[in-house]
Amino acid sequence: MSPSLRNTLRKLHRWGGLLVATFAVFYCITGIALNHRKAFDYFERKPKEEFSIPVTPSEPLRQLVSQYKALIGETKDPTVIKIKDSRVVEFLYGSHGKVRYVIYPEEGRVVKIRKTPMKVWHFLNNVLHKAAGTSRAWVLYSDVFCGVLLLVTVVGLFVFRYTVLDWMLLFLGVLSLFVFMAVA
């Protein structure tokens, strides 16, 4: 390899690294936080407010559910019931609505939607990038990996003697991260 090509490749490598350094730091920190999201109560505040209402019989609701269950041919109660615009009723069965019945009573129509995983994407989403039900070993491995990546990135930022172009690339990396976060 010629010396000029080697120098060009080194510059491209350096500039690319400076451009994505901010993203690498952000990715590592958020990845570690997401690995331990249960400890952070899933990053949600859930203030609880309780108040009294008049006692009402639940029989009309049970009759409504039984009526729609008979119409769609299901025997079990749905996991989730949604009512949209006071015109559309949805019955969701299974985890995250694996089977969904969308009932249009005014039109006399039911749409049944069954979720089936697409093999390649299901593998990528639920095996490689699994977000729930991961083992402690996987969480430990990914935390250590992110920690090492974070350390290498931050130490790498202090090793260089920066030029104006380098500072501009770092700033552009930070700016692009915030722009994409705002847009996404």
Protein backbone atom coordinates (compact mmCIF):
# COMPACT_ATOMS: atom_id res chain seq x y z
CA MET A 1 0.00 0.00 0.00
CA SER A 2 1.37 3.38 -0.94
CA PRO A 3 2.13 5.89 1.82
CA SER A 4 -0.29 8.47 0.37
CA LEU A 5 -3.16 5.94 0.30
CA ARG A 6 -2.33 4.86 3.85
CA ASN A 7 -2.41 8.51 5.03
CA THR A 8 -5.72 9.09 3.25
CA LEU A 9 -7.26 6.00 4.85
CA ARG A 10 -5.99 7.07 8.28
CA LYS A 11 -7.56 10.51 7.84
CA LEU A 12 -10.87 8.99 6.72
CA HIS A 13 -10.80 6.62 9.69
CA ARG A 14 -10.08 9.45 12.10
CA TRP A 15 -12.76 11.73 10.64
CA GLY A 16 -15.34 8.96 10.63
CA GLY A 17 -14.50 8.09 14.22
CA LEU A 18 -14.81 11.70 15.34
CA LEU A 19 -18.13 12.04 13.52
CA VAL A 20 -19.69 9.01 15.23
CA ALA A 21 -18.00 9.33 18.64
CA THR A 22 -20.97 11.17 20.14
CA PHE A 23 -23.38 8.57 18.85
CA ALA A 24 -21.23 5.76 20.29
CA VAL A 25 -21.19 7.41 23.73
CA PHE A 26 -24.95 8.06 23.62
CA TYR A 27 -25.65 4.52 22.37
CA CYS A 28 -23.60 2.94 25.14
CA ILE A 29 -25.11 4.99 27.95
CA THR A 30 -28.70 4.47 26.79
CA GLY A 31 -28.05 0.77 26.15
CA ILE A 32 -26.84 0.25 29.70
CA ALA A 33 -29.81 2.25 31.03
CA LEU A 34 -32.25 0.15 28.99
CA ASN A 35 -30.65 -3.07 30.22
CA HIS A 36 -31.59 -1.98 33.72
CA ARG A 37 -34.91 -0.31 32.91
CA LYS A 38 -36.72 -2.36 35.54
CA ALA A 39 -34.53 -0.76 38.22
CA PHE A 40 -35.54 2.65 36.83
CA ASP A 41 -39.26 1.67 36.94
CA TYR A 42 -39.35 1.62 33.13
CA PHE A 43 -38.56 5.35 32.98
CA GLU A 44 -42.13 6.26 33.90
CA ARG A 45 -43.75 8.04 36.77
CA LYS A 46 -47.08 6.56 37.69
CA PRO A 47 -48.82 8.81 40.17
CA LYS A 48 -51.87 7.05 41.52
CA GLU A 49 -55.11 8.86 42.17
CA GLU A 50 -58.10 7.11 43.65
CA PHE A 51 -61.59 8.50 44.02
CA SER A 52 -65.12 7.27 44.62
CA ILE A 53 -67.85 6.75 42.04
CA PRO A 54 -71.39 5.50 42.49
CA VAL A 55 -71.63 1.72 42.63
CA THR A 56 -72.81 0.40 39.26
CA PRO A 57 -73.75 -3.13 38.27
CA SER A 58 -71.27 -4.92 36.02
CA GLU A 59 -73.95 -7.05 34.37
CA PRO A 60 -74.51 -4.73 31.35
CA LEU A 61 -70.78 -4.85 30.61
CA ARG A 62 -70.72 -8.63 30.92
CA GLN A 63 -73.70 -8.89 28.57
CA LEU A 64 -71.96 -6.68 26.01
CA VAL A 65 -68.77 -8.75 26.16
CA SER A 66 -70.73 -12.01 25.94
CA GLN A 67 -72.71 -10.71 22.96
CA TYR A 68 -69.58 -9.81 20.99
CA LYS A 69 -67.77 -13.02 22.01
CA ALA A 70 -70.69 -15.01 20.59
CA LEU A 71 -70.63 -12.97 17.36
CA ILE A 72 -66.92 -13.56 16.74
CA GLY A 73 -66.96 -17.17 17.91
CA GLU A 74 -64.63 -16.87 20.90
CA THR A 75 -65.22 -18.54 24.25
CA LYS A 76 -62.55 -16.83 26.35
CA ASP A 77 -62.71 -13.26 27.60
CA PRO A 78 -60.42 -10.91 25.68
CA THR A 79 -57.16 -9.71 27.22
CA VAL A 80 -57.92 -6.10 26.22
CA ILE A 81 -61.11 -4.40 25.07
CA LYS A 82 -60.86 -1.10 23.18
CA ILE A 83 -63.70 1.17 22.17
CA LYS A 84 -62.83 3.77 19.54
CA ASP A 85 -64.98 6.76 18.63
CA SER A 86 -67.95 5.03 20.31
CA ARG A 87 -68.38 3.12 17.03
CA VAL A 88 -65.63 0.52 16.84
CA VAL A 89 -64.99 -2.24 19.38
CA GLU A 90 -61.71 -4.15 19.44
CA PHE A 91 -61.11 -7.41 21.29
CA LEU A 92 -57.44 -8.29 21.72
CA TYR A 93 -56.44 -11.82 22.64
CA GLY A 94 -53.00 -12.99 23.72
CA SER A 95 -49.83 -11.07 24.40
CA HIS A 96 -49.82 -7.64 22.74
CA GLY A 97 -52.94 -8.43 20.72
CA LYS A 98 -51.67 -11.51 18.90
CA VAL A 99 -55.23 -11.98 17.64
CA ARG A 100 -57.33 -8.85 17.21
CA TYR A 101 -60.99 -8.61 16.30
CA VAL A 102 -62.06 -5.18 15.05
CA ILE A 103 -65.85 -5.05 15.25
CA TYR A 104 -67.89 -2.47 13.34
CA PRO A 105 -71.40 -2.93 14.82
CA GLU A 106 -73.07 -0.27 12.66
CA GLU A 107 -71.78 -1.97 9.50
CA GLY A 108 -72.25 -5.55 10.71
CA ARG A 109 -68.62 -6.31 9.93
CA VAL A 110 -65.71 -7.93 11.80
CA VAL A 111 -62.05 -7.85 10.78
CA LYS A 112 -59.80 -10.52 12.32
CA ILE A 113 -56.09 -9.72 12.41
CA ARG A 114 -53.63 -12.41 13.47
CA LYS A 115 -50.00 -11.45 14.07
CA THR A 116 -47.52 -13.99 12.73
CA PRO A 117 -43.79 -13.34 12.99
CA MET A 118 -41.72 -13.00 9.83
CA LYS A 119 -38.82 -15.40 10.33
CA VAL A 120 -35.79 -13.22 9.60
CA TRP A 121 -37.13 -10.08 11.27
CA HIS A 122 -38.53 -12.07 14.18
CA PHE A 123 -35.06 -13.56 14.75
CA LEU A 124 -33.38 -10.15 14.60
CA ASN A 125 -35.95 -8.47 16.83
CA ASN A 126 -36.55 -11.18 19.40
CA VAL A 127 -33.22 -12.98 19.54
CA LEU A 128 -30.43 -10.57 18.63
CA HIS A 129 -32.11 -7.38 19.87
CA LYS A 130 -34.30 -8.91 22.52
CA ALA A 131 -35.69 -6.31 24.87
CA ALA A 132 -37.62 -8.47 27.32
CA GLY A 133 -36.80 -11.70 29.06
CA THR A 134 -33.04 -11.50 28.61
CA SER A 135 -30.84 -13.54 30.92
CA ARG A 136 -28.56 -11.99 33.49
CA ALA A 137 -25.56 -13.30 31.55
CA TRP A 138 -26.64 -11.40 28.42
CA VAL A 139 -27.25 -8.20 30.39
CA LEU A 140 -23.83 -8.53 32.03
CA TYR A 141 -22.14 -9.22 28.67
CA SER A 142 -23.81 -6.26 26.95
CA ASP A 143 -23.06 -3.96 29.90
CA VAL A 144 -19.38 -4.92 29.82
CA PHE A 145 -19.28 -4.56 26.02
CA CYS A 146 -20.90 -1.10 26.20
CA GLY A 147 -18.58 -0.11 29.02
CA VAL A 148 -15.51 -1.09 27.00
CA LEU A 149 -16.86 0.67 23.89
CA LEU A 150 -17.57 3.76 25.99
CA LEU A 151 -14.09 3.68 27.53
CA VAL A 152 -12.36 3.24 24.17
CA THR A 153 -14.38 6.07 22.63
CA VAL A 154 -13.82 8.54 25.47
CA VAL A 155 -10.11 7.69 25.83
CA GLY A 156 -9.75 7.98 22.06
CA LEU A 157 -11.17 11.48 22.21
CA PHE A 158 -8.40 12.56 24.62
CA VAL A 159 -5.55 10.96 22.67
CA PHE A 160 -5.79 13.19 19.60
CA ARG A 161 -4.37 16.63 19.06
CA TYR A 162 -7.30 18.33 17.40
CA THR A 163 -7.40 20.55 14.35
CA VAL A 164 -10.23 22.92 13.51
CA LEU A 165 -11.70 20.28 11.18
CA ASP A 166 -11.67 17.73 14.01
CA TRP A 167 -13.60 20.07 16.31
CA MET A 168 -16.08 20.76 13.53
CA LEU A 169 -16.61 17.01 13.02
CA LEU A 170 -17.19 16.46 16.74
CA PHE A 171 -19.65 19.35 16.82
CA LEU A 172 -21.38 18.04 13.68
CA GLY A 173 -21.70 14.62 15.34
CA VAL A 174 -23.31 16.15 18.43
CA LEU A 175 -25.58 18.33 16.31
CA SER A 176 -26.69 15.46 14.07
CA LEU A 177 -27.48 13.33 17.11
CA PHE A 178 -29.78 16.00 18.53
CA VAL A 179 -31.38 16.67 15.14
CA PHE A 180 -32.17 12.99 14.61
CA MET A 181 -33.48 12.66 18.18
CA ALA A 182 -35.78 15.64 17.61
CA VAL A 183 -37.03 14.33 14.27
CA ALA A 184 -37.45 10.67 15.27
